[in-house]
Amino acid sequence: MKAIWNGQVIAESNDTVVVEGNHYFPAESVKREFLRDSSTRTTCPWKGVASYYHLEVDGQTNPDAAWYYPEPKEAAKQIVGRIAFWKGVSVIE
């Protein structure tokens, strides 16, 4: 699977975990040079507290377009150490 935004491959892995239709990529498969920390946090009742990254590619920013669960609840333990994408990021095979 590949995550692509603004013409750049942001992440690429054959080992994604799909939860609620979203592909969670291993953190080590994500190109960190495109990630910027965000202060945004949201809470999912069964996954826990999500943290976000802004994507920055060629001077353009896609706010909060990537998220992860630093300490997911037991029901979502399969996504620990993984990052998912939305907000116009294409995830394709």
C-alpha atoms as a PDB file:
ATOM      1  CA  MET A   1       0.000   0.000   0.000  1.00  0.00           C
ATOM      2  CA  LYS A   2       1.056   3.595  -0.634  1.00  0.00           C
ATOM      3  CA  ALA A   3      -0.146   6.843   0.917  1.00  0.00           C
ATOM      4  CA  ILE A   4       0.236   9.724  -1.560  1.00  0.00           C
ATOM      5  CA  TRP A   5      -0.409  13.419  -1.174  1.00  0.00           C
ATOM      6  CA  ASN A   6       0.578  16.372  -3.373  1.00  0.00           C
ATOM      7  CA  GLY A   7       2.442  14.054  -5.740  1.00  0.00           C
ATOM      8  CA  GLN A   8       4.679  12.523  -3.058  1.00  0.00           C
ATOM      9  CA  VAL A   9       4.658   9.059  -1.560  1.00  0.00           C
ATOM     10  CA  ILE A  10       4.272   9.701   2.171  1.00  0.00           C
ATOM     11  CA  ALA A  11       4.267   6.041   3.256  1.00  0.00           C
ATOM     12  CA  GLU A  12       4.702   2.647   1.627  1.00  0.00           C
ATOM     13  CA  SER A  13       4.284  -0.796   3.171  1.00  0.00           C
ATOM     14  CA  ASN A  14       3.005  -4.309   2.515  1.00  0.00           C
ATOM     15  CA  ASP A  15       2.129  -4.532   6.216  1.00  0.00           C
ATOM     16  CA  THR A  16      -0.832  -2.251   6.894  1.00  0.00           C
ATOM     17  CA  VAL A  17      -3.568  -2.946   9.430  1.00  0.00           C
ATOM     18  CA  VAL A  18      -7.092  -1.959   8.377  1.00  0.00           C
ATOM     19  CA  VAL A  19      -9.375  -0.592  11.105  1.00  0.00           C
ATOM     20  CA  GLU A  20     -12.693   1.033  10.259  1.00  0.00           C
ATOM     21  CA  GLY A  21     -11.645   1.226   6.593  1.00  0.00           C
ATOM     22  CA  ASN A  22      -8.382   3.063   7.314  1.00  0.00           C
ATOM     23  CA  HIS A  23      -4.964   1.603   6.545  1.00  0.00           C
ATOM     24  CA  TYR A  24      -2.557   2.042   9.457  1.00  0.00           C
ATOM     25  CA  PHE A  25       1.031   2.026   8.198  1.00  0.00           C
ATOM     26  CA  PRO A  26       3.985   0.977  10.357  1.00  0.00           C
ATOM     27  CA  ALA A  27       5.578   4.198  11.652  1.00  0.00           C
ATOM     28  CA  GLU A  28       8.936   3.203  10.176  1.00  0.00           C
ATOM     29  CA  SER A  29       7.382   3.078   6.672  1.00  0.00           C
ATOM     30  CA  VAL A  30       6.326   6.746   6.857  1.00  0.00           C
ATOM     31  CA  LYS A  31       8.684   9.392   5.463  1.00  0.00           C
ATOM     32  CA  ARG A  32       9.217  11.598   8.513  1.00  0.00           C
ATOM     33  CA  GLU A  33      10.426  14.554   6.464  1.00  0.00           C
ATOM     34  CA  PHE A  34       6.786  15.173   5.461  1.00  0.00           C
ATOM     35  CA  LEU A  35       5.380  15.109   9.023  1.00  0.00           C
ATOM     36  CA  ARG A  36       4.988  18.093  11.334  1.00  0.00           C
ATOM     37  CA  ASP A  37       3.721  17.748  14.902  1.00  0.00           C
ATOM     38  CA  SER A  38       0.201  18.951  15.621  1.00  0.00           C
ATOM     39  CA  SER A  39      -1.334  19.790  18.991  1.00  0.00           C
ATOM     40  CA  THR A  40      -4.681  18.288  17.908  1.00  0.00           C
ATOM     41  CA  ARG A  41      -6.013  15.412  20.007  1.00  0.00           C
ATOM     42  CA  THR A  42      -9.269  13.502  19.625  1.00  0.00           C
ATOM     43  CA  THR A  43     -10.770  10.645  21.612  1.00  0.00           C
ATOM     44  CA  CYS A  44     -12.300   7.446  20.286  1.00  0.00           C
ATOM     45  CA  PRO A  45     -14.335   5.476  22.831  1.00  0.00           C
ATOM     46  CA  TRP A  46     -12.722   2.146  21.933  1.00  0.00           C
ATOM     47  CA  LYS A  47      -9.308   3.135  20.492  1.00  0.00           C
ATOM     48  CA  GLY A  48      -8.289   5.870  22.928  1.00  0.00           C
ATOM     49  CA  VAL A  49      -6.682   9.290  22.399  1.00  0.00           C
ATOM     50  CA  ALA A  50      -5.385  10.057  18.894  1.00  0.00           C
ATOM     51  CA  SER A  51      -2.535  12.442  18.139  1.00  0.00           C
ATOM     52  CA  TYR A  52      -2.075  14.104  14.753  1.00  0.00           C
ATOM     53  CA  TYR A  53       0.542  15.260  12.273  1.00  0.00           C
ATOM     54  CA  HIS A  54       0.288  17.937   9.609  1.00  0.00           C
ATOM     55  CA  LEU A  55       1.653  16.885   6.212  1.00  0.00           C
ATOM     56  CA  GLU A  56       3.998  19.299   4.490  1.00  0.00           C
ATOM     57  CA  VAL A  57       5.010  18.683   0.885  1.00  0.00           C
ATOM     58  CA  ASP A  58       6.598  21.216  -1.481  1.00  0.00           C
ATOM     59  CA  GLY A  59       5.588  24.152   0.702  1.00  0.00           C
ATOM     60  CA  GLN A  60       1.952  23.055   1.009  1.00  0.00           C
ATOM     61  CA  THR A  61       0.436  21.978   4.327  1.00  0.00           C
ATOM     62  CA  ASN A  62      -2.401  19.528   4.893  1.00  0.00           C
ATOM     63  CA  PRO A  63      -3.373  20.095   8.555  1.00  0.00           C
ATOM     64  CA  ASP A  64      -3.998  17.068  10.758  1.00  0.00           C
ATOM     65  CA  ALA A  65      -3.936  14.724   7.747  1.00  0.00           C
ATOM     66  CA  ALA A  66      -2.219  11.886   9.622  1.00  0.00           C
ATOM     67  CA  TRP A  67      -3.066  10.383  12.990  1.00  0.00           C
ATOM     68  CA  TYR A  68      -1.878   7.750  15.394  1.00  0.00           C
ATOM     69  CA  TYR A  69      -2.673   6.350  18.812  1.00  0.00           C
ATOM     70  CA  PRO A  70       0.415   6.595  21.066  1.00  0.00           C
ATOM     71  CA  GLU A  71      -1.236   4.406  23.713  1.00  0.00           C
ATOM     72  CA  PRO A  72      -4.261   2.677  22.179  1.00  0.00           C
ATOM     73  CA  LYS A  73      -6.734   0.862  24.378  1.00  0.00           C
ATOM     74  CA  GLU A  74      -6.526  -2.936  24.552  1.00  0.00           C
ATOM     75  CA  ALA A  75      -9.227  -3.342  21.862  1.00  0.00           C
ATOM     76  CA  ALA A  76      -7.026  -1.433  19.385  1.00  0.00           C
ATOM     77  CA  LYS A  77      -3.601  -2.746  20.373  1.00  0.00           C
ATOM     78  CA  GLN A  78      -2.966  -3.864  16.765  1.00  0.00           C
ATOM     79  CA  ILE A  79      -2.465  -0.205  15.725  1.00  0.00           C
ATOM     80  CA  VAL A  80       0.217   0.713  18.251  1.00  0.00           C
ATOM     81  CA  GLY A  81       3.208   2.172  16.400  1.00  0.00           C
ATOM     82  CA  ARG A  82       1.136   2.831  13.260  1.00  0.00           C
ATOM     83  CA  ILE A  83      -0.019   5.940  11.380  1.00  0.00           C
ATOM     84  CA  ALA A  84      -3.149   6.445   9.236  1.00  0.00           C
ATOM     85  CA  PHE A  85      -4.102   9.168   6.751  1.00  0.00           C
ATOM     86  CA  TRP A  86      -7.124  11.120   5.514  1.00  0.00           C
ATOM     87  CA  LYS A  87      -7.984  14.625   4.217  1.00  0.00           C
ATOM     88  CA  GLY A  88      -7.184  13.992   0.570  1.00  0.00           C
ATOM     89  CA  VAL A  89      -4.333  11.541   1.076  1.00  0.00           C
ATOM     90  CA  SER A  90      -4.768   8.709  -1.453  1.00  0.00           C
ATOM     91  CA  VAL A  91      -4.129   5.227  -0.125  1.00  0.00           C
ATOM     92  CA  ILE A  92      -3.684   2.820  -3.018  1.00  0.00           C
ATOM     93  CA  GLU A  93      -2.214  -0.589  -3.769  1.00  0.00           C
END
